[in-house]
Amino acid sequence: MFRDMRLKENETTRKEAEEMLCNALSGVLAVNGDDGYPYTIPLNFAYQNDKIYFHSTSETSHKIDAIKNDAKVSFCVVTEDRIIPEQFNTLYRSAIIFGKAKVLQEQDEIEQGIMAIVKKYSGDFLNEGKAYRDGEMGNFCVVEISIEYITGKAGS
């Protein structure tokens, strides 16, 4: 169903791809947008238990509408991107996932997803993060991407 990487020598292991997902500060979500146009959105996220979590301040945004219309998404992170001018080359590391996204509805799932994000970006402030989550509940939505395929790539 998913294409094999053409340059196999640049393919990383699944574990390395997962490490990139754990360590990347941001990623780019690709959805099927309005009128069949691809729509990509940079966003903060958390990777946990083979799932990607991110939040949105509205359930009526372009990305949320696109996900509700078509759950199939792709998500990409780049953890290294360094030009080596004298070699006419680039040193890079990236991971791409394909999966299905859904807006979480169950309270415990929403709490789990938002806390995964809080742990990643504000791990020293978990109690404050829980209070913030509880105070803002209902003012945001959380999306979960179930990963169906993951691949990593590294090269120099």
N, C-alpha and C. Protein backbone atom coordinates (compact mmCIF):
# COMPACT_ATOMS: atom_id res chain seq x y z
N MET A 1 0.82 -1.19 0.00
CA MET A 1 0.00 0.00 0.00
C MET A 1 0.87 1.26 0.00
N PHE A 2 1.93 1.29 0.79
CA PHE A 2 2.82 2.44 0.83
C PHE A 2 4.08 2.13 0.03
N ARG A 3 4.60 3.12 -0.63
CA ARG A 3 5.77 2.92 -1.49
C ARG A 3 7.03 2.67 -0.67
N ASP A 4 7.88 1.80 -1.20
CA ASP A 4 9.19 1.60 -0.61
C ASP A 4 10.07 2.79 -0.94
N MET A 5 11.02 3.07 -0.06
CA MET A 5 11.96 4.16 -0.31
C MET A 5 12.84 3.78 -1.50
N ARG A 6 13.05 4.71 -2.39
CA ARG A 6 13.84 4.46 -3.59
C ARG A 6 15.31 4.26 -3.26
N LEU A 7 15.89 5.15 -2.45
CA LEU A 7 17.29 5.05 -2.07
C LEU A 7 17.39 4.34 -0.73
N LYS A 8 17.37 3.02 -0.78
CA LYS A 8 17.34 2.19 0.43
C LYS A 8 18.50 2.48 1.38
N GLU A 9 19.65 2.88 0.83
CA GLU A 9 20.81 3.14 1.68
C GLU A 9 20.61 4.35 2.60
N ASN A 10 19.61 5.18 2.32
CA ASN A 10 19.31 6.34 3.16
C ASN A 10 18.20 6.06 4.18
N GLU A 11 17.58 4.90 4.09
CA GLU A 11 16.48 4.58 5.00
C GLU A 11 17.02 4.26 6.39
N THR A 12 16.36 4.83 7.40
CA THR A 12 16.73 4.54 8.79
C THR A 12 15.89 3.38 9.30
N THR A 13 16.22 2.93 10.47
CA THR A 13 15.39 1.92 11.11
C THR A 13 14.12 2.58 11.64
N ARG A 14 13.14 1.78 11.95
CA ARG A 14 11.91 2.32 12.55
C ARG A 14 12.23 3.01 13.86
N LYS A 15 13.11 2.40 14.65
CA LYS A 15 13.47 2.97 15.95
C LYS A 15 14.08 4.37 15.76
N GLU A 16 14.94 4.53 14.77
CA GLU A 16 15.53 5.85 14.51
C GLU A 16 14.46 6.85 14.07
N ALA A 17 13.51 6.41 13.27
CA ALA A 17 12.42 7.29 12.84
C ALA A 17 11.59 7.70 14.04
N GLU A 18 11.31 6.77 14.95
CA GLU A 18 10.55 7.09 16.15
C GLU A 18 11.32 8.07 17.04
N GLU A 19 12.64 7.92 17.13
CA GLU A 19 13.45 8.85 17.91
C GLU A 19 13.36 10.26 17.33
N MET A 20 13.32 10.36 16.00
CA MET A 20 13.16 11.67 15.38
C MET A 20 11.81 12.28 15.78
N LEU A 21 10.75 11.46 15.79
CA LEU A 21 9.44 11.95 16.20
C LEU A 21 9.45 12.40 17.65
N CYS A 22 10.17 11.69 18.49
CA CYS A 22 10.26 12.07 19.91
C CYS A 22 11.02 13.38 20.10
N ASN A 23 12.06 13.60 19.31
CA ASN A 23 12.96 14.72 19.53
C ASN A 23 12.63 15.99 18.74
N ALA A 24 11.87 15.88 17.68
CA ALA A 24 11.56 17.06 16.86
C ALA A 24 10.67 18.02 17.64
N LEU A 25 10.94 19.30 17.51
CA LEU A 25 10.13 20.31 18.20
C LEU A 25 8.86 20.66 17.44
N SER A 26 8.89 20.48 16.13
CA SER A 26 7.70 20.77 15.33
C SER A 26 7.67 19.84 14.13
N GLY A 27 6.52 19.78 13.50
CA GLY A 27 6.35 18.97 12.31
C GLY A 27 5.37 19.65 11.38
N VAL A 28 5.17 19.03 10.22
CA VAL A 28 4.25 19.58 9.24
C VAL A 28 3.20 18.52 8.93
N LEU A 29 1.94 18.88 9.15
CA LEU A 29 0.80 18.02 8.88
C LEU A 29 0.31 18.30 7.47
N ALA A 30 0.04 17.25 6.71
CA ALA A 30 -0.54 17.40 5.37
C ALA A 30 -1.90 16.73 5.35
N VAL A 31 -2.89 17.49 4.90
CA VAL A 31 -4.26 16.99 4.80
C VAL A 31 -4.79 17.28 3.39
N ASN A 32 -5.90 16.65 3.08
CA ASN A 32 -6.60 16.94 1.83
C ASN A 32 -7.49 18.13 2.10
N GLY A 33 -7.10 19.30 1.61
CA GLY A 33 -7.80 20.53 1.92
C GLY A 33 -8.96 20.83 0.99
N ASP A 34 -9.38 22.07 0.99
CA ASP A 34 -10.53 22.51 0.19
C ASP A 34 -10.28 22.31 -1.30
N ASP A 35 -11.33 21.89 -2.00
CA ASP A 35 -11.32 21.71 -3.45
C ASP A 35 -10.20 20.80 -3.93
N GLY A 36 -9.78 19.83 -3.07
CA GLY A 36 -8.76 18.87 -3.47
C GLY A 36 -7.34 19.38 -3.39
N TYR A 37 -7.16 20.62 -2.93
CA TYR A 37 -5.81 21.15 -2.78
C TYR A 37 -5.17 20.59 -1.52
N PRO A 38 -3.91 20.16 -1.59
CA PRO A 38 -3.23 19.76 -0.37
C PRO A 38 -3.10 20.98 0.56
N TYR A 39 -3.17 20.74 1.85
CA TYR A 39 -3.03 21.81 2.83
C TYR A 39 -2.04 21.31 3.88
N THR A 40 -0.98 22.07 4.09
CA THR A 40 0.03 21.70 5.07
C THR A 40 0.09 22.74 6.17
N ILE A 41 0.30 22.24 7.40
CA ILE A 41 0.27 23.11 8.57
C ILE A 41 1.44 22.74 9.48
N PRO A 42 2.32 23.71 9.78
CA PRO A 42 3.34 23.43 10.79
C PRO A 42 2.69 23.46 12.17
N LEU A 43 3.09 22.52 13.02
CA LEU A 43 2.50 22.50 14.35
C LEU A 43 3.39 21.81 15.37
N ASN A 44 3.12 22.10 16.64
CA ASN A 44 3.74 21.40 17.74
C ASN A 44 2.94 20.12 17.96
N PHE A 45 3.60 19.10 18.49
CA PHE A 45 2.96 17.80 18.61
C PHE A 45 3.69 16.97 19.67
N ALA A 46 3.10 15.85 20.00
CA ALA A 46 3.75 14.86 20.85
C ALA A 46 3.57 13.49 20.20
N TYR A 47 4.59 12.67 20.33
CA TYR A 47 4.54 11.29 19.84
C TYR A 47 4.54 10.38 21.06
N GLN A 48 3.55 9.49 21.12
CA GLN A 48 3.44 8.59 22.27
C GLN A 48 2.66 7.34 21.84
N ASN A 49 3.21 6.17 22.11
CA ASN A 49 2.52 4.90 21.85
C ASN A 49 1.99 4.77 20.42
N ASP A 50 2.86 5.05 19.46
CA ASP A 50 2.51 4.94 18.03
C ASP A 50 1.41 5.90 17.60
N LYS A 51 1.28 7.01 18.32
CA LYS A 51 0.29 8.01 17.96
C LYS A 51 0.91 9.41 18.03
N ILE A 52 0.43 10.28 17.18
CA ILE A 52 0.80 11.69 17.19
C ILE A 52 -0.39 12.44 17.78
N TYR A 53 -0.10 13.38 18.69
CA TYR A 53 -1.15 14.23 19.27
C TYR A 53 -0.82 15.69 19.00
N PHE A 54 -1.84 16.45 18.65
CA PHE A 54 -1.71 17.90 18.57
C PHE A 54 -3.05 18.50 18.95
N HIS A 55 -3.04 19.80 19.23
CA HIS A 55 -4.30 20.44 19.62
C HIS A 55 -4.60 21.59 18.67
N SER A 56 -5.84 21.99 18.71
CA SER A 56 -6.32 23.11 17.92
C SER A 56 -7.22 23.95 18.82
N THR A 57 -7.21 25.24 18.61
CA THR A 57 -8.04 26.11 19.44
C THR A 57 -9.49 26.12 18.99
N SER A 58 -9.76 25.49 17.85
CA SER A 58 -11.12 25.52 17.34
C SER A 58 -11.45 24.22 16.63
N GLU A 59 -12.69 23.80 16.72
CA GLU A 59 -13.14 22.62 15.97
C GLU A 59 -13.65 23.02 14.59
N THR A 60 -13.45 24.28 14.19
CA THR A 60 -13.92 24.71 12.88
C THR A 60 -12.78 25.29 12.04
N SER A 61 -11.55 24.94 12.36
CA SER A 61 -10.41 25.44 11.58
C SER A 61 -10.29 24.66 10.27
N HIS A 62 -9.48 25.18 9.38
CA HIS A 62 -9.25 24.52 8.09
C HIS A 62 -8.75 23.10 8.30
N LYS A 63 -7.75 22.92 9.20
CA LYS A 63 -7.18 21.58 9.39
C LYS A 63 -8.20 20.62 9.99
N ILE A 64 -9.00 21.09 10.94
CA ILE A 64 -9.99 20.22 11.57
C ILE A 64 -11.09 19.85 10.57
N ASP A 65 -11.55 20.83 9.79
CA ASP A 65 -12.54 20.54 8.75
C ASP A 65 -12.00 19.52 7.76
N ALA A 66 -10.73 19.66 7.37
CA ALA A 66 -10.13 18.74 6.41
C ALA A 66 -10.06 17.33 6.99
N ILE A 67 -9.68 17.22 8.26
CA ILE A 67 -9.59 15.91 8.92
C ILE A 67 -10.97 15.27 9.02
N LYS A 68 -11.97 16.06 9.33
CA LYS A 68 -13.34 15.51 9.41
C LYS A 68 -13.83 15.03 8.05
N ASN A 69 -13.36 15.66 6.98
CA ASN A 69 -13.75 15.26 5.63
C ASN A 69 -12.96 14.07 5.10
N ASP A 70 -11.70 13.95 5.53
CA ASP A 70 -10.84 12.85 5.07
C ASP A 70 -9.80 12.60 6.16
N ALA A 71 -9.90 11.47 6.81
CA ALA A 71 -9.03 11.16 7.95
C ALA A 71 -7.60 10.83 7.55
N LYS A 72 -7.35 10.54 6.29
CA LYS A 72 -5.99 10.18 5.86
C LYS A 72 -5.09 11.41 5.86
N VAL A 73 -3.96 11.29 6.57
CA VAL A 73 -3.02 12.40 6.68
C VAL A 73 -1.59 11.90 6.54
N SER A 74 -0.70 12.84 6.35
CA SER A 74 0.72 12.57 6.40
C SER A 74 1.33 13.62 7.32
N PHE A 75 2.41 13.24 7.98
CA PHE A 75 3.06 14.13 8.93
C PHE A 75 4.56 13.94 8.80
N CYS A 76 5.29 15.04 8.78
CA CYS A 76 6.73 15.00 8.54
C CYS A 76 7.48 15.83 9.57
N VAL A 77 8.63 15.32 10.01
CA VAL A 77 9.54 16.09 10.86
C VAL A 77 10.91 16.08 10.21
N VAL A 78 11.64 17.16 10.40
CA VAL A 78 13.02 17.27 9.95
C VAL A 78 13.84 17.59 11.18
N THR A 79 14.76 16.70 11.52
CA THR A 79 15.55 16.91 12.74
C THR A 79 16.96 17.39 12.44
N GLU A 80 17.36 17.32 11.19
CA GLU A 80 18.66 17.87 10.81
C GLU A 80 18.57 18.30 9.35
N ASP A 81 19.14 19.45 9.07
CA ASP A 81 19.14 19.98 7.71
C ASP A 81 20.30 20.96 7.61
N ARG A 82 21.44 20.43 7.19
CA ARG A 82 22.65 21.26 7.15
C ARG A 82 23.26 21.18 5.76
N ILE A 83 23.39 22.33 5.15
CA ILE A 83 24.00 22.43 3.82
C ILE A 83 25.52 22.31 3.95
N ILE A 84 26.10 21.51 3.08
CA ILE A 84 27.56 21.39 2.99
C ILE A 84 27.95 21.95 1.62
N PRO A 85 28.15 23.28 1.56
CA PRO A 85 28.32 23.94 0.26
C PRO A 85 29.49 23.41 -0.55
N GLU A 86 30.60 23.14 0.10
CA GLU A 86 31.79 22.70 -0.65
C GLU A 86 31.62 21.30 -1.24
N GLN A 87 30.63 20.55 -0.75
CA GLN A 87 30.36 19.21 -1.28
C GLN A 87 29.10 19.18 -2.14
N PHE A 88 28.44 20.36 -2.28
CA PHE A 88 27.19 20.42 -3.03
C PHE A 88 26.21 19.36 -2.51
N ASN A 89 26.05 19.35 -1.21
CA ASN A 89 25.29 18.29 -0.57
C ASN A 89 24.58 18.83 0.67
N THR A 90 23.71 18.01 1.22
CA THR A 90 22.98 18.34 2.43
C THR A 90 23.05 17.15 3.39
N LEU A 91 23.31 17.46 4.64
CA LEU A 91 23.23 16.46 5.70
C LEU A 91 21.82 16.58 6.29
N TYR A 92 21.05 15.51 6.27
CA TYR A 92 19.66 15.61 6.70
C TYR A 92 19.22 14.36 7.44
N ARG A 93 18.17 14.54 8.23
CA ARG A 93 17.46 13.45 8.92
C ARG A 93 15.99 13.84 8.97
N SER A 94 15.12 12.94 8.56
CA SER A 94 13.69 13.25 8.58
C SER A 94 12.90 11.96 8.75
N ALA A 95 11.69 12.13 9.21
CA ALA A 95 10.76 11.01 9.34
C ALA A 95 9.40 11.43 8.80
N ILE A 96 8.73 10.50 8.18
CA ILE A 96 7.40 10.74 7.62
C ILE A 96 6.49 9.63 8.10
N ILE A 97 5.29 10.01 8.49
CA ILE A 97 4.28 9.01 8.84
C ILE A 97 3.05 9.21 7.96
N PHE A 98 2.34 8.13 7.78
CA PHE A 98 1.03 8.15 7.16
C PHE A 98 0.08 7.52 8.17
N GLY A 99 -1.09 8.10 8.31
CA GLY A 99 -2.03 7.55 9.27
C GLY A 99 -3.40 8.15 9.12
N LYS A 100 -4.22 7.85 10.11
CA LYS A 100 -5.59 8.37 10.12
C LYS A 100 -5.77 9.22 11.37
N ALA A 101 -6.32 10.40 11.15
CA ALA A 101 -6.51 11.37 12.23
C ALA A 101 -7.96 11.41 12.66
N LYS A 102 -8.15 11.68 13.94
CA LYS A 102 -9.51 11.87 14.45
C LYS A 102 -9.47 12.90 15.57
N VAL A 103 -10.54 13.66 15.64
CA VAL A 103 -10.72 14.60 16.74
C VAL A 103 -11.23 13.79 17.92
N LEU A 104 -10.51 13.85 19.02
CA LEU A 104 -10.88 13.06 20.20
C LEU A 104 -12.15 13.63 20.84
N GLN A 105 -13.00 12.73 21.30
CA GLN A 105 -14.26 13.12 21.92
C GLN A 105 -14.35 12.73 23.40
N GLU A 106 -13.69 11.65 23.76
CA GLU A 106 -13.75 11.16 25.13
C GLU A 106 -12.83 11.97 26.04
N GLN A 107 -13.34 12.36 27.18
CA GLN A 107 -12.62 13.22 28.12
C GLN A 107 -11.25 12.64 28.49
N ASP A 108 -11.18 11.34 28.79
CA ASP A 108 -9.91 10.75 29.20
C ASP A 108 -8.90 10.74 28.06
N GLU A 109 -9.36 10.55 26.83
CA GLU A 109 -8.47 10.58 25.67
C GLU A 109 -7.94 12.00 25.43
N ILE A 110 -8.81 12.99 25.57
CA ILE A 110 -8.41 14.39 25.42
C ILE A 110 -7.35 14.73 26.46
N GLU A 111 -7.59 14.35 27.71
CA GLU A 111 -6.64 14.62 28.78
C GLU A 111 -5.30 13.94 28.51
N GLN A 112 -5.34 12.69 28.05
CA GLN A 112 -4.11 11.96 27.73
C GLN A 112 -3.32 12.67 26.63
N GLY A 113 -4.02 13.07 25.58
CA GLY A 113 -3.36 13.74 24.46
C GLY A 113 -2.75 15.07 24.85
N ILE A 114 -3.50 15.88 25.59
CA ILE A 114 -2.98 17.20 25.96
C ILE A 114 -1.82 17.06 26.95
N MET A 115 -1.89 16.06 27.84
CA MET A 115 -0.79 15.88 28.78
C MET A 115 0.48 15.36 28.10
N ALA A 116 0.33 14.61 27.02
CA ALA A 116 1.51 14.19 26.24
C ALA A 116 2.21 15.43 25.68
N ILE A 117 1.43 16.40 25.23
CA ILE A 117 2.00 17.65 24.70
C ILE A 117 2.63 18.46 25.83
N VAL A 118 1.94 18.56 26.96
CA VAL A 118 2.49 19.30 28.12
C VAL A 118 3.80 18.68 28.57
N LYS A 119 3.86 17.36 28.66
CA LYS A 119 5.10 16.68 29.09
C LYS A 119 6.24 16.98 28.15
N LYS A 120 5.96 17.02 26.87
CA LYS A 120 7.02 17.26 25.88
C LYS A 120 7.57 18.68 25.98
N TYR A 121 6.69 19.66 26.05
CA TYR A 121 7.13 21.05 25.95
C TYR A 121 7.27 21.75 27.29
N SER A 122 6.64 21.24 28.33
CA SER A 122 6.67 21.90 29.64
C SER A 122 6.79 20.86 30.75
N GLY A 123 7.68 19.90 30.55
CA GLY A 123 7.82 18.78 31.46
C GLY A 123 8.12 19.14 32.90
N ASP A 124 8.71 20.30 33.12
CA ASP A 124 9.01 20.74 34.49
C ASP A 124 7.82 21.41 35.16
N PHE A 125 6.72 21.51 34.45
CA PHE A 125 5.55 22.23 34.96
C PHE A 125 4.27 21.39 34.83
N LEU A 126 4.36 20.11 35.19
CA LEU A 126 3.22 19.20 35.00
C LEU A 126 2.01 19.60 35.82
N ASN A 127 2.21 20.00 37.06
CA ASN A 127 1.06 20.41 37.89
C ASN A 127 0.38 21.64 37.31
N GLU A 128 1.19 22.61 36.89
CA GLU A 128 0.63 23.81 36.26
C GLU A 128 -0.05 23.45 34.94
N GLY A 129 0.54 22.47 34.22
CA GLY A 129 -0.04 22.02 32.96
C GLY A 129 -1.40 21.37 33.16
N LYS A 130 -1.52 20.58 34.23
CA LYS A 130 -2.81 19.96 34.53
C LYS A 130 -3.85 21.02 34.88
N ALA A 131 -3.43 22.02 35.66
CA ALA A 131 -4.36 23.10 36.02
C ALA A 131 -4.77 23.89 34.78
N TYR A 132 -3.81 24.15 33.90
CA TYR A 132 -4.10 24.87 32.65
C TYR A 132 -5.08 24.05 31.81
N ARG A 133 -4.78 22.76 31.67
CA ARG A 133 -5.66 21.86 30.90
C ARG A 133 -7.07 21.89 31.45
N ASP A 134 -7.19 21.74 32.76
CA ASP A 134 -8.51 21.70 33.39
C ASP A 134 -9.25 23.03 33.23
N GLY A 135 -8.52 24.14 33.31
CA GLY A 135 -9.14 25.45 33.17
C GLY A 135 -9.55 25.78 31.75
N GLU A 136 -8.84 25.21 30.78
CA GLU A 136 -9.10 25.50 29.37
C GLU A 136 -9.93 24.44 28.67
N MET A 137 -10.24 23.34 29.36
CA MET A 137 -10.99 22.24 28.75
C MET A 137 -12.26 22.79 28.13
N GLY A 138 -12.49 22.43 26.91
CA GLY A 138 -13.65 22.94 26.19
C GLY A 138 -13.30 24.10 25.27
N ASN A 139 -12.12 24.70 25.48
CA ASN A 139 -11.67 25.80 24.62
C ASN A 139 -10.72 25.34 23.52
N PHE A 140 -10.46 24.05 23.46
CA PHE A 140 -9.58 23.51 22.43
C PHE A 140 -10.03 22.08 22.12
N CYS A 141 -9.50 21.55 21.04
CA CYS A 141 -9.75 20.14 20.74
C CYS A 141 -8.39 19.47 20.53
N VAL A 142 -8.37 18.16 20.70
CA VAL A 142 -7.14 17.38 20.55
C VAL A 142 -7.36 16.38 19.43
N VAL A 143 -6.35 16.27 18.58
CA VAL A 143 -6.40 15.34 17.46
C VAL A 143 -5.36 14.25 17.70
N GLU A 144 -5.75 13.04 17.38
CA GLU A 144 -4.88 11.88 17.49
C GLU A 144 -4.68 11.30 16.10
N ILE A 145 -3.43 11.07 15.72
CA ILE A 145 -3.14 10.38 14.47
C ILE A 145 -2.65 8.98 14.81
N SER A 146 -3.37 7.97 14.35
CA SER A 146 -2.93 6.58 14.50
C SER A 146 -2.03 6.26 13.31
N ILE A 147 -0.81 5.91 13.61
CA ILE A 147 0.20 5.69 12.56
C ILE A 147 -0.03 4.34 11.88
N GLU A 148 -0.08 4.39 10.56
CA GLU A 148 -0.20 3.17 9.75
C GLU A 148 1.12 2.81 9.10
N TYR A 149 1.96 3.82 8.84
CA TYR A 149 3.24 3.58 8.19
C TYR A 149 4.20 4.68 8.62
N ILE A 150 5.43 4.30 8.89
CA ILE A 150 6.45 5.27 9.29
C ILE A 150 7.74 4.92 8.57
N THR A 151 8.43 5.95 8.15
CA THR A 151 9.72 5.76 7.52
C THR A 151 10.64 6.92 7.90
N GLY A 152 11.91 6.61 8.00
CA GLY A 152 12.91 7.64 8.29
C GLY A 152 13.96 7.65 7.21
N LYS A 153 14.58 8.80 7.06
CA LYS A 153 15.58 8.97 6.02
C LYS A 153 16.71 9.81 6.54
N ALA A 154 17.92 9.43 6.24
CA ALA A 154 19.10 10.20 6.65
C ALA A 154 20.14 10.11 5.54
N GLY A 155 20.82 11.20 5.33
CA GLY A 155 21.82 11.18 4.28
C GLY A 155 22.82 12.30 4.41
N SER A 156 23.88 12.15 3.67
CA SER A 156 24.90 13.20 3.64
C SER A 156 25.50 13.29 2.26
